[in-house]
Amino acid sequence: LAFTLILLAGAYCAGLLGSLTGLGGGVVVIPLLTLAFGVDFH
């Protein structure tokens, strides 16, 4: 539950920044998952 809530909040910030900068949320999501959460790249 804690992991899901933190991931949800992080993804929300990624989508927000991606929308404001025009880069898209995916550009932020992958570094968030791999560098911050240690999720496998695939």
Full PDB file with SEQRES, HELIX, SHEET, SSBOND, CRYST1, ORIGX, SCALE, CONECT and MASTER records, all heavy atoms in Angstrom:
SEQRES   1 A   42  LEU ALA PHE THR LEU ILE LEU LEU ALA GLY ALA TYR CYS          
SEQRES   2 A   42  ALA GLY LEU LEU GLY SER LEU THR GLY LEU GLY GLY GLY          
SEQRES   3 A   42  VAL VAL VAL ILE PRO LEU LEU THR LEU ALA PHE GLY VAL          
SEQRES   4 A   42  ASP PHE HIS                                                  
HELIX    1 AA1 ALA A    2  THR A   21  1                                  20    
HELIX    2 AA2 GLY A   25  PRO A   31  1                                   7    
HELIX    3 AA3 LEU A   32  ALA A   36  3                                   5    
CRYST1    1.000    1.000    1.000  90.00  90.00  90.00 P 1           1          
ORIGX1      1.000000  0.000000  0.000000        0.00000                         
ORIGX2      0.000000  1.000000  0.000000        0.00000                         
ORIGX3      0.000000  0.000000  1.000000        0.00000                         
SCALE1      1.000000  0.000000  0.000000        0.00000                         
SCALE2      0.000000  1.000000  0.000000        0.00000                         
SCALE3      0.000000  0.000000  1.000000        0.00000                         
ATOM      1  N   LEU A   1       0.826  -1.204   0.000  1.00  0.00           N  
ATOM      2  CA  LEU A   1       0.000   0.000   0.000  1.00  0.00           C  
ATOM      3  C   LEU A   1       0.862   1.257   0.000  1.00  0.00           C  
ATOM      4  O   LEU A   1       0.612   2.203  -0.765  1.00  0.00           O  
ATOM      5  CB  LEU A   1      -0.941  -0.003   1.210  1.00  0.00           C  
ATOM      6  CG  LEU A   1      -1.835   1.240   1.359  1.00  0.00           C  
ATOM      7  CD1 LEU A   1      -2.743   1.387   0.141  1.00  0.00           C  
ATOM      8  CD2 LEU A   1      -2.669   1.154   2.635  1.00  0.00           C  
ATOM      9  N   ALA A   2       1.892   1.271   0.836  1.00  0.00           N  
ATOM     10  CA  ALA A   2       2.773   2.432   0.908  1.00  0.00           C  
ATOM     11  C   ALA A   2       3.509   2.637  -0.418  1.00  0.00           C  
ATOM     12  O   ALA A   2       3.617   3.770  -0.913  1.00  0.00           O  
ATOM     13  CB  ALA A   2       3.775   2.257   2.041  1.00  0.00           C  
ATOM     14  N   PHE A   3       4.002   1.550  -0.996  1.00  0.00           N  
ATOM     15  CA  PHE A   3       4.692   1.635  -2.287  1.00  0.00           C  
ATOM     16  C   PHE A   3       3.767   2.177  -3.372  1.00  0.00           C  
ATOM     17  O   PHE A   3       4.158   3.041  -4.168  1.00  0.00           O  
ATOM     18  CB  PHE A   3       5.209   0.249  -2.692  1.00  0.00           C  
ATOM     19  CG  PHE A   3       5.808   0.200  -4.068  1.00  0.00           C  
ATOM     20  CD1 PHE A   3       7.084   0.689  -4.304  1.00  0.00           C  
ATOM     21  CD2 PHE A   3       5.082  -0.333  -5.131  1.00  0.00           C  
ATOM     22  CE1 PHE A   3       7.636   0.643  -5.578  1.00  0.00           C  
ATOM     23  CE2 PHE A   3       5.626  -0.384  -6.408  1.00  0.00           C  
ATOM     24  CZ  PHE A   3       6.909   0.107  -6.629  1.00  0.00           C  
ATOM     25  N   THR A   4       2.513   1.696  -3.384  1.00  0.00           N  
ATOM     26  CA  THR A   4       1.548   2.143  -4.395  1.00  0.00           C  
ATOM     27  C   THR A   4       1.245   3.625  -4.255  1.00  0.00           C  
ATOM     28  O   THR A   4       1.194   4.365  -5.256  1.00  0.00           O  
ATOM     29  CB  THR A   4       0.246   1.334  -4.283  1.00  0.00           C  
ATOM     30  OG1 THR A   4       0.535  -0.057  -4.457  1.00  0.00           O  
ATOM     31  CG2 THR A   4      -0.758   1.767  -5.333  1.00  0.00           C  
ATOM     32  N   LEU A   5       1.040   4.088  -3.010  1.00  0.00           N  
ATOM     33  CA  LEU A   5       0.725   5.500  -2.778  1.00  0.00           C  
ATOM     34  C   LEU A   5       1.905   6.403  -3.156  1.00  0.00           C  
ATOM     35  O   LEU A   5       1.722   7.463  -3.770  1.00  0.00           O  
ATOM     36  CB  LEU A   5       0.334   5.720  -1.317  1.00  0.00           C  
ATOM     37  CG  LEU A   5      -0.992   5.078  -0.875  1.00  0.00           C  
ATOM     38  CD1 LEU A   5      -1.218   5.286   0.616  1.00  0.00           C  
ATOM     39  CD2 LEU A   5      -2.162   5.662  -1.674  1.00  0.00           C  
ATOM     40  N   ILE A   6       3.113   5.991  -2.787  1.00  0.00           N  
ATOM     41  CA  ILE A   6       4.299   6.787  -3.136  1.00  0.00           C  
ATOM     42  C   ILE A   6       4.492   6.819  -4.652  1.00  0.00           C  
ATOM     43  O   ILE A   6       4.800   7.865  -5.235  1.00  0.00           O  
ATOM     44  CB  ILE A   6       5.554   6.214  -2.444  1.00  0.00           C  
ATOM     45  CG1 ILE A   6       5.441   6.369  -0.931  1.00  0.00           C  
ATOM     46  CG2 ILE A   6       6.813   6.906  -2.947  1.00  0.00           C  
ATOM     47  CD1 ILE A   6       6.546   5.680  -0.160  1.00  0.00           C  
ATOM     48  N   LEU A   7       4.288   5.673  -5.290  1.00  0.00           N  
ATOM     49  CA  LEU A   7       4.418   5.593  -6.742  1.00  0.00           C  
ATOM     50  C   LEU A   7       3.360   6.445  -7.436  1.00  0.00           C  
ATOM     51  O   LEU A   7       3.647   7.129  -8.434  1.00  0.00           O  
ATOM     52  CB  LEU A   7       4.284   4.135  -7.193  1.00  0.00           C  
ATOM     53  CG  LEU A   7       4.552   3.834  -8.674  1.00  0.00           C  
ATOM     54  CD1 LEU A   7       5.938   4.301  -9.076  1.00  0.00           C  
ATOM     55  CD2 LEU A   7       4.384   2.349  -8.940  1.00  0.00           C  
ATOM     56  N   LEU A   8       2.148   6.442  -6.893  1.00  0.00           N  
ATOM     57  CA  LEU A   8       1.058   7.249  -7.438  1.00  0.00           C  
ATOM     58  C   LEU A   8       1.397   8.736  -7.351  1.00  0.00           C  
ATOM     59  O   LEU A   8       1.199   9.499  -8.311  1.00  0.00           O  
ATOM     60  CB  LEU A   8      -0.239   6.949  -6.683  1.00  0.00           C  
ATOM     61  CG  LEU A   8      -1.530   7.569  -7.217  1.00  0.00           C  
ATOM     62  CD1 LEU A   8      -1.854   7.004  -8.594  1.00  0.00           C  
ATOM     63  CD2 LEU A   8      -2.684   7.289  -6.258  1.00  0.00           C  
ATOM     64  N   ALA A   9       1.925   9.157  -6.184  1.00  0.00           N  
ATOM     65  CA  ALA A   9       2.303  10.563  -6.003  1.00  0.00           C  
ATOM     66  C   ALA A   9       3.454  10.954  -6.926  1.00  0.00           C  
ATOM     67  O   ALA A   9       3.451  12.030  -7.534  1.00  0.00           O  
ATOM     68  CB  ALA A   9       2.685  10.814  -4.545  1.00  0.00           C  
ATOM     69  N   GLY A  10       4.439  10.065  -7.058  1.00  0.00           N  
ATOM     70  CA  GLY A  10       5.563  10.334  -7.944  1.00  0.00           C  
ATOM     71  C   GLY A  10       5.141  10.429  -9.399  1.00  0.00           C  
ATOM     72  O   GLY A  10       5.611  11.292 -10.147  1.00  0.00           O  
ATOM     73  N   ALA A  11       4.231   9.535  -9.817  1.00  0.00           N  
ATOM     74  CA  ALA A  11       3.738   9.551 -11.198  1.00  0.00           C  
ATOM     75  C   ALA A  11       2.918  10.815 -11.458  1.00  0.00           C  
ATOM     76  O   ALA A  11       2.974  11.379 -12.560  1.00  0.00           O  
ATOM     77  CB  ALA A  11       2.889   8.310 -11.458  1.00  0.00           C  
ATOM     78  N   TYR A  12       2.169  11.262 -10.444  1.00  0.00           N  
ATOM     79  CA  TYR A  12       1.398  12.512 -10.591  1.00  0.00           C  
ATOM     80  C   TYR A  12       2.343  13.688 -10.845  1.00  0.00           C  
ATOM     81  O   TYR A  12       2.105  14.510 -11.744  1.00  0.00           O  
ATOM     82  CB  TYR A  12       0.562  12.761  -9.337  1.00  0.00           C  
ATOM     83  CG  TYR A  12      -0.191  14.075  -9.357  1.00  0.00           C  
ATOM     84  CD1 TYR A  12      -1.439  14.164  -9.973  1.00  0.00           C  
ATOM     85  CD2 TYR A  12       0.338  15.220  -8.770  1.00  0.00           C  
ATOM     86  CE1 TYR A  12      -2.136  15.363 -10.007  1.00  0.00           C  
ATOM     87  CE2 TYR A  12      -0.350  16.422  -8.803  1.00  0.00           C  
ATOM     88  CZ  TYR A  12      -1.577  16.487  -9.416  1.00  0.00           C  
ATOM     89  OH  TYR A  12      -2.266  17.688  -9.452  1.00  0.00           O  
ATOM     90  N   CYS A  13       3.415  13.765 -10.080  1.00  0.00           N  
ATOM     91  CA  CYS A  13       4.406  14.834 -10.263  1.00  0.00           C  
ATOM     92  C   CYS A  13       5.078  14.724 -11.633  1.00  0.00           C  
ATOM     93  O   CYS A  13       5.347  15.734 -12.290  1.00  0.00           O  
ATOM     94  CB  CYS A  13       5.461  14.777  -9.160  1.00  0.00           C  
ATOM     95  SG  CYS A  13       4.835  15.146  -7.510  1.00  0.00           S  
ATOM     96  N   ALA A  14       5.325  13.493 -12.066  1.00  0.00           N  
ATOM     97  CA  ALA A  14       5.932  13.278 -13.384  1.00  0.00           C  
ATOM     98  C   ALA A  14       5.012  13.776 -14.491  1.00  0.00           C  
ATOM     99  O   ALA A  14       5.456  14.444 -15.437  1.00  0.00           O  
ATOM    100  CB  ALA A  14       6.247  11.801 -13.579  1.00  0.00           C  
ATOM    101  N   GLY A  15       3.729  13.448 -14.389  1.00  0.00           N  
ATOM    102  CA  GLY A  15       2.763  13.909 -15.383  1.00  0.00           C  
ATOM    103  C   GLY A  15       2.606  15.417 -15.370  1.00  0.00           C  
ATOM    104  O   GLY A  15       2.490  16.054 -16.419  1.00  0.00           O  
ATOM    105  N   LEU A  16       2.622  16.002 -14.172  1.00  0.00           N  
ATOM    106  CA  LEU A  16       2.500  17.453 -14.038  1.00  0.00           C  
ATOM    107  C   LEU A  16       3.687  18.163 -14.682  1.00  0.00           C  
ATOM    108  O   LEU A  16       3.521  19.084 -15.492  1.00  0.00           O  
ATOM    109  CB  LEU A  16       2.398  17.823 -12.557  1.00  0.00           C  
ATOM    110  CG  LEU A  16       2.316  19.315 -12.218  1.00  0.00           C  
ATOM    111  CD1 LEU A  16       1.045  19.919 -12.786  1.00  0.00           C  
ATOM    112  CD2 LEU A  16       2.359  19.518 -10.702  1.00  0.00           C  
ATOM    113  N   LEU A  17       4.902  17.739 -14.338  1.00  0.00           N  
ATOM    114  CA  LEU A  17       6.104  18.353 -14.905  1.00  0.00           C  
ATOM    115  C   LEU A  17       6.206  18.110 -16.406  1.00  0.00           C  
ATOM    116  O   LEU A  17       6.585  19.005 -17.166  1.00  0.00           O  
ATOM    117  CB  LEU A  17       7.350  17.796 -14.204  1.00  0.00           C  
ATOM    118  CG  LEU A  17       7.608  18.296 -12.783  1.00  0.00           C  
ATOM    119  CD1 LEU A  17       8.760  17.522 -12.157  1.00  0.00           C  
ATOM    120  CD2 LEU A  17       7.923  19.789 -12.784  1.00  0.00           C  
ATOM    121  N   GLY A  18       5.856  16.916 -16.824  1.00  0.00           N  
ATOM    122  CA  GLY A  18       5.901  16.600 -18.246  1.00  0.00           C  
ATOM    123  C   GLY A  18       4.947  17.455 -19.053  1.00  0.00           C  
ATOM    124  O   GLY A  18       5.265  17.898 -20.152  1.00  0.00           O  
ATOM    125  N   SER A  19       3.768  17.730 -18.492  1.00  0.00           N  
ATOM    126  CA  SER A  19       2.785  18.557 -19.173  1.00  0.00           C  
ATOM    127  C   SER A  19       3.226  20.021 -19.231  1.00  0.00           C  
ATOM    128  O   SER A  19       3.092  20.682 -20.266  1.00  0.00           O  
ATOM    129  CB  SER A  19       1.435  18.448 -18.456  1.00  0.00           C  
ATOM    130  OG  SER A  19       0.478  19.282 -19.057  1.00  0.00           O  
ATOM    131  N   LEU A  20       3.764  20.539 -18.138  1.00  0.00           N  
ATOM    132  CA  LEU A  20       4.183  21.942 -18.081  1.00  0.00           C  
ATOM    133  C   LEU A  20       5.396  22.220 -18.956  1.00  0.00           C  
ATOM    134  O   LEU A  20       5.545  23.318 -19.498  1.00  0.00           O  
ATOM    135  CB  LEU A  20       4.499  22.345 -16.633  1.00  0.00           C  
ATOM    136  CG  LEU A  20       3.315  22.432 -15.677  1.00  0.00           C  
ATOM    137  CD1 LEU A  20       3.791  22.746 -14.254  1.00  0.00           C  
ATOM    138  CD2 LEU A  20       2.321  23.496 -16.135  1.00  0.00           C  
ATOM    139  N   THR A  21       6.271  21.247 -19.097  1.00  0.00           N  
ATOM    140  CA  THR A  21       7.496  21.456 -19.857  1.00  0.00           C  
ATOM    141  C   THR A  21       7.380  20.996 -21.303  1.00  0.00           C  
ATOM    142  O   THR A  21       8.249  21.299 -22.119  1.00  0.00           O  
ATOM    143  CB  THR A  21       8.677  20.717 -19.212  1.00  0.00           C  
ATOM    144  OG1 THR A  21       8.352  19.325 -19.107  1.00  0.00           O  
ATOM    145  CG2 THR A  21       8.958  21.262 -17.827  1.00  0.00           C  
ATOM    146  N   GLY A  22       6.311  20.254 -21.621  1.00  0.00           N  
ATOM    147  CA  GLY A  22       6.133  19.764 -22.971  1.00  0.00           C  
ATOM    148  C   GLY A  22       6.956  18.536 -23.297  1.00  0.00           C  
ATOM    149  O   GLY A  22       7.016  18.116 -24.450  1.00  0.00           O  
ATOM    150  N   LEU A  23       7.583  17.929 -22.304  1.00  0.00           N  
ATOM    151  CA  LEU A  23       8.431  16.762 -22.541  1.00  0.00           C  
ATOM    152  C   LEU A  23       7.673  15.447 -22.408  1.00  0.00           C  
ATOM    153  O   LEU A  23       8.174  14.406 -22.814  1.00  0.00           O  
ATOM    154  CB  LEU A  23       9.620  16.772 -21.573  1.00  0.00           C  
ATOM    155  CG  LEU A  23      10.629  17.896 -21.761  1.00  0.00           C  
ATOM    156  CD1 LEU A  23      11.682  17.861 -20.662  1.00  0.00           C  
ATOM    157  CD2 LEU A  23      11.289  17.799 -23.122  1.00  0.00           C  
ATOM    158  N   GLY A  24       6.499  15.499 -21.794  1.00  0.00           N  
ATOM    159  CA  GLY A  24       5.742  14.266 -21.610  1.00  0.00           C  
ATOM    160  C   GLY A  24       6.112  13.548 -20.332  1.00  0.00           C  
ATOM    161  O   GLY A  24       7.260  13.608 -19.882  1.00  0.00           O  
ATOM    162  N   GLY A  25       5.145  12.868 -19.734  1.00  0.00           N  
ATOM    163  CA  GLY A  25       5.377  12.202 -18.458  1.00  0.00           C  
ATOM    164  C   GLY A  25       6.335  11.047 -18.519  1.00  0.00           C  
ATOM    165  O   GLY A  25       7.035  10.739 -17.557  1.00  0.00           O  
ATOM    166  N   GLY A  26       6.420  10.366 -19.693  1.00  0.00           N  
ATOM    167  CA  GLY A  26       7.287   9.207 -19.815  1.00  0.00           C  
ATOM    168  C   GLY A  26       8.750   9.521 -19.609  1.00  0.00           C  
ATOM    169  O   GLY A  26       9.526   8.689 -19.128  1.00  0.00           O  
ATOM    170  N   VAL A  27       9.153  10.752 -19.976  1.00  0.00           N  
ATOM    171  CA  VAL A  27      10.545  11.170 -19.800  1.00  0.00           C  
ATOM    172  C   VAL A  27      10.924  11.191 -18.325  1.00  0.00           C  
ATOM    173  O   VAL A  27      12.067  10.939 -17.955  1.00  0.00           O  
ATOM    174  CB  VAL A  27      10.765  12.563 -20.436  1.00  0.00           C  
ATOM    175  CG1 VAL A  27      12.140  13.116 -20.112  1.00  0.00           C  
ATOM    176  CG2 VAL A  27      10.576  12.479 -21.944  1.00  0.00           C  
ATOM    177  N   VAL A  28       9.946  11.483 -17.463  1.00  0.00           N  
ATOM    178  CA  VAL A  28      10.200  11.553 -16.019  1.00  0.00           C  
ATOM    179  C   VAL A  28       9.944  10.219 -15.341  1.00  0.00           C  
ATOM    180  O   VAL A  28      10.611   9.866 -14.365  1.00  0.00           O  
ATOM    181  CB  VAL A  28       9.322  12.645 -15.358  1.00  0.00           C  
ATOM    182  CG1 VAL A  28       9.735  12.878 -13.917  1.00  0.00           C  
ATOM    183  CG2 VAL A  28       9.397  13.944 -16.144  1.00  0.00           C  
ATOM    184  N   VAL A  29       8.973   9.454 -15.857  1.00  0.00           N  
ATOM    185  CA  VAL A  29       8.560   8.212 -15.211  1.00  0.00           C  
ATOM    186  C   VAL A  29       9.693   7.197 -15.145  1.00  0.00           C  
ATOM    187  O   VAL A  29       9.932   6.573 -14.090  1.00  0.00           O  
ATOM    188  CB  VAL A  29       7.338   7.608 -15.940  1.00  0.00           C  
ATOM    189  CG1 VAL A  29       7.144   6.142 -15.558  1.00  0.00           C  
ATOM    190  CG2 VAL A  29       6.089   8.388 -15.600  1.00  0.00           C  
ATOM    191  N   ILE A  30      10.416   7.008 -16.242  1.00  0.00           N  
ATOM    192  CA  ILE A  30      11.452   5.970 -16.267  1.00  0.00           C  
ATOM    193  C   ILE A  30      12.592   6.275 -15.302  1.00  0.00           C  
ATOM    194  O   ILE A  30      13.013   5.387 -14.550  1.00  0.00           O  
ATOM    195  CB  ILE A  30      11.955   5.746 -17.704  1.00  0.00           C  
ATOM    196  CG1 ILE A  30      10.818   5.137 -18.530  1.00  0.00           C  
ATOM    197  CG2 ILE A  30      13.177   4.838 -17.721  1.00  0.00           C  
ATOM    198  CD1 ILE A  30      11.163   4.829 -19.956  1.00  0.00           C  
ATOM    199  N   PRO A  31      13.148   7.511 -15.270  1.00  0.00           N  
ATOM    200  CA  PRO A  31      14.145   7.800 -14.225  1.00  0.00           C  
ATOM    201  C   PRO A  31      13.581   7.643 -12.823  1.00  0.00           C  
ATOM    202  O   PRO A  31      14.288   7.181 -11.913  1.00  0.00           O  
ATOM    203  CB  PRO A  31      14.531   9.265 -14.497  1.00  0.00           C  
ATOM    204  CG  PRO A  31      14.240   9.475 -15.931  1.00  0.00           C  
ATOM    205  CD  PRO A  31      13.027   8.635 -16.211  1.00  0.00           C  
ATOM    206  N   LEU A  32      12.308   8.002 -12.629  1.00  0.00           N  
ATOM    207  CA  LEU A  32      11.669   7.859 -11.322  1.00  0.00           C  
ATOM    208  C   LEU A  32      11.643   6.394 -10.892  1.00  0.00           C  
ATOM    209  O   LEU A  32      12.011   6.050  -9.760  1.00  0.00           O  
ATOM    210  CB  LEU A  32      10.240   8.421 -11.373  1.00  0.00           C  
ATOM    211  CG  LEU A  32       9.368   8.206 -10.131  1.00  0.00           C  
ATOM    212  CD1 LEU A  32       9.865   9.063  -8.975  1.00  0.00           C  
ATOM    213  CD2 LEU A  32       7.906   8.526 -10.436  1.00  0.00           C  
ATOM    214  N   LEU A  33      11.224   5.525 -11.790  1.00  0.00           N  
ATOM    215  CA  LEU A  33      11.101   4.107 -11.450  1.00  0.00           C  
ATOM    216  C   LEU A  33      12.458   3.424 -11.293  1.00  0.00           C  
ATOM    217  O   LEU A  33      12.657   2.642 -10.361  1.00  0.00           O  
ATOM    218  CB  LEU A  33      10.291   3.379 -12.525  1.00  0.00           C  
ATOM    219  CG  LEU A  33       8.806   3.729 -12.631  1.00  0.00           C  
ATOM    220  CD1 LEU A  33       8.165   3.023 -13.813  1.00  0.00           C  
ATOM    221  CD2 LEU A  33       8.070   3.382 -11.350  1.00  0.00           C  
ATOM    222  N   THR A  34      13.396   3.737 -12.192  1.00  0.00           N  
ATOM    223  CA  THR A  34      14.685   3.032 -12.173  1.00  0.00           C  
ATOM    224  C   THR A  34      15.646   3.584 -11.127  1.00  0.00           C  
ATOM    225  O   THR A  34      16.296   2.822 -10.405  1.00  0.00           O  
ATOM    226  CB  THR A  34      15.345   3.088 -13.559  1.00  0.00           C  
ATOM    227  OG1 THR A  34      15.474   4.457 -13.978  1.00  0.00           O  
ATOM    228  CG2 THR A  34      14.512   2.330 -14.572  1.00  0.00           C  
ATOM    229  N   LEU A  35      15.748   4.912 -11.034  1.00  0.00           N  
ATOM    230  CA  LEU A  35      16.719   5.518 -10.124  1.00  0.00           C  
ATOM    231  C   LEU A  35      16.182   5.642  -8.702  1.00  0.00           C  
ATOM    232  O   LEU A  35      16.915   5.422  -7.735  1.00  0.00           O  
ATOM    233  CB  LEU A  35      17.139   6.906 -10.642  1.00  0.00           C  
ATOM    234  CG  LEU A  35      17.842   6.929 -12.017  1.00  0.00           C  
ATOM    235  CD1 LEU A  35      18.161   8.362 -12.416  1.00  0.00           C  
ATOM    236  CD2 LEU A  35      19.094   6.067 -12.006  1.00  0.00           C  
ATOM    237  N   ALA A  36      14.902   6.001  -8.564  1.00  0.00           N  
ATOM    238  CA  ALA A  36      14.337   6.226  -7.224  1.00  0.00           C  
ATOM    239  C   ALA A  36      13.797   4.938  -6.591  1.00  0.00           C  
ATOM    240  O   ALA A  36      13.968   4.709  -5.395  1.00  0.00           O  
ATOM    241  CB  ALA A  36      13.221   7.274  -7.296  1.00  0.00           C  
ATOM    242  N   PHE A  37      13.157   4.086  -7.399  1.00  0.00           N  
ATOM    243  CA  PHE A  37      12.517   2.889  -6.853  1.00  0.00           C  
ATOM    244  C   PHE A  37      13.265   1.605  -7.178  1.00  0.00           C  
ATOM    245  O   PHE A  37      12.910   0.531  -6.674  1.00  0.00           O  
ATOM    246  CB  PHE A  37      11.077   2.773  -7.364  1.00  0.00           C  
ATOM    247  CG  PHE A  37      10.155   3.833  -6.843  1.00  0.00           C  
ATOM    248  CD1 PHE A  37       9.855   4.945  -7.609  1.00  0.00           C  
ATOM    249  CD2 PHE A  37       9.600   3.741  -5.574  1.00  0.00           C  
ATOM    250  CE1 PHE A  37       9.003   5.933  -7.143  1.00  0.00           C  
ATOM    251  CE2 PHE A  37       8.752   4.725  -5.094  1.00  0.00           C  
ATOM    252  CZ  PHE A  37       8.455   5.824  -5.868  1.00  0.00           C  
ATOM    253  N   GLY A  38      14.285   1.675  -8.017  1.00  0.00           N  
ATOM    254  CA  GLY A  38      15.069   0.488  -8.346  1.00  0.00           C  
ATOM    255  C   GLY A  38      14.329  -0.546  -9.164  1.00  0.00           C  
ATOM    256  O   GLY A  38      14.660  -1.735  -9.128  1.00  0.00           O  
ATOM    257  N   VAL A  39      13.327  -0.120  -9.942  1.00  0.00           N  
ATOM    258  CA  VAL A  39      12.559  -1.036 -10.775  1.00  0.00           C  
ATOM    259  C   VAL A  39      13.396  -1.431 -11.991  1.00  0.00           C  
ATOM    260  O   VAL A  39      14.119  -0.616 -12.562  1.00  0.00           O  
ATOM    261  CB  VAL A  39      11.240  -0.370 -11.226  1.00  0.00           C  
ATOM    262  CG1 VAL A  39      10.474  -1.270 -12.189  1.00  0.00           C  
ATOM    263  CG2 VAL A  39      10.372  -0.044 -10.014  1.00  0.00           C  
ATOM    264  N   ASP A  40      13.306  -2.688 -12.395  1.00  0.00           N  
ATOM    265  CA  ASP A  40      14.006  -3.163 -13.585  1.00  0.00           C  
ATOM    266  C   ASP A  40      13.576  -2.341 -14.807  1.00  0.00           C  
ATOM    267  O   ASP A  40      12.409  -1.977 -14.952  1.00  0.00           O  
ATOM    268  CB  ASP A  40      13.678  -4.637 -13.821  1.00  0.00           C  
ATOM    269  CG  ASP A  40      14.403  -5.213 -15.019  1.00  0.00           C  
ATOM    270  OD1 ASP A  40      13.853  -5.112 -16.133  1.00  0.00           O  
ATOM    271  OD2 ASP A  40      15.518  -5.743 -14.840  1.00  0.00           O  
ATOM    272  N   PHE A  41      14.532  -2.057 -15.695  1.00  0.00           N  
ATOM    273  CA  PHE A  41      14.283  -1.191 -16.840  1.00  0.00           C  
ATOM    274  C   PHE A  41      13.140  -1.697 -17.715  1.00  0.00           C  
ATOM    275  O   PHE A  41      12.313  -0.916 -18.213  1.00  0.00           O  
ATOM    276  CB  PHE A  41      15.553  -1.037 -17.689  1.00  0.00           C  
ATOM    277  CG  PHE A  41      16.029   0.382 -17.767  1.00  0.00           C  
ATOM    278  CD1 PHE A  41      17.177   0.774 -17.098  1.00  0.00           C  
ATOM    279  CD2 PHE A  41      15.340   1.333 -18.503  1.00  0.00           C  
ATOM    280  CE1 PHE A  41      17.621   2.090 -17.153  1.00  0.00           C  
ATOM    281  CE2 PHE A  41      15.778   2.638 -18.579  1.00  0.00           C  
ATOM    282  CZ  PHE A  41      16.929   3.019 -17.915  1.00  0.00           C  
ATOM    283  N   HIS A  42      13.054  -3.006 -17.912  1.00  0.00           N  
ATOM    284  CA  HIS A  42      12.016  -3.548 -18.786  1.00  0.00           C  
ATOM    285  C   HIS A  42      10.622  -3.310 -18.198  1.00  0.00           C  
ATOM    286  O   HIS A  42       9.683  -2.980 -18.933  1.00  0.00           O  
ATOM    287  CB  HIS A  42      12.249  -5.038 -19.017  1.00  0.00           C  
ATOM    288  CG  HIS A  42      13.483  -5.325 -19.822  1.00  0.00           C  
ATOM    289  ND1 HIS A  42      14.693  -5.613 -19.238  1.00  0.00           N  
ATOM    290  CD2 HIS A  42      13.695  -5.346 -21.160  1.00  0.00           C  
ATOM    291  CE1 HIS A  42      15.603  -5.815 -20.189  1.00  0.00           C  
ATOM    292  NE2 HIS A  42      15.022  -5.668 -21.357  1.00  0.00           N  
TER     293      HIS A  42                                                      
MASTER        0    0    0    3    0    0    0    6  292    1    0    4          
END                                                                             
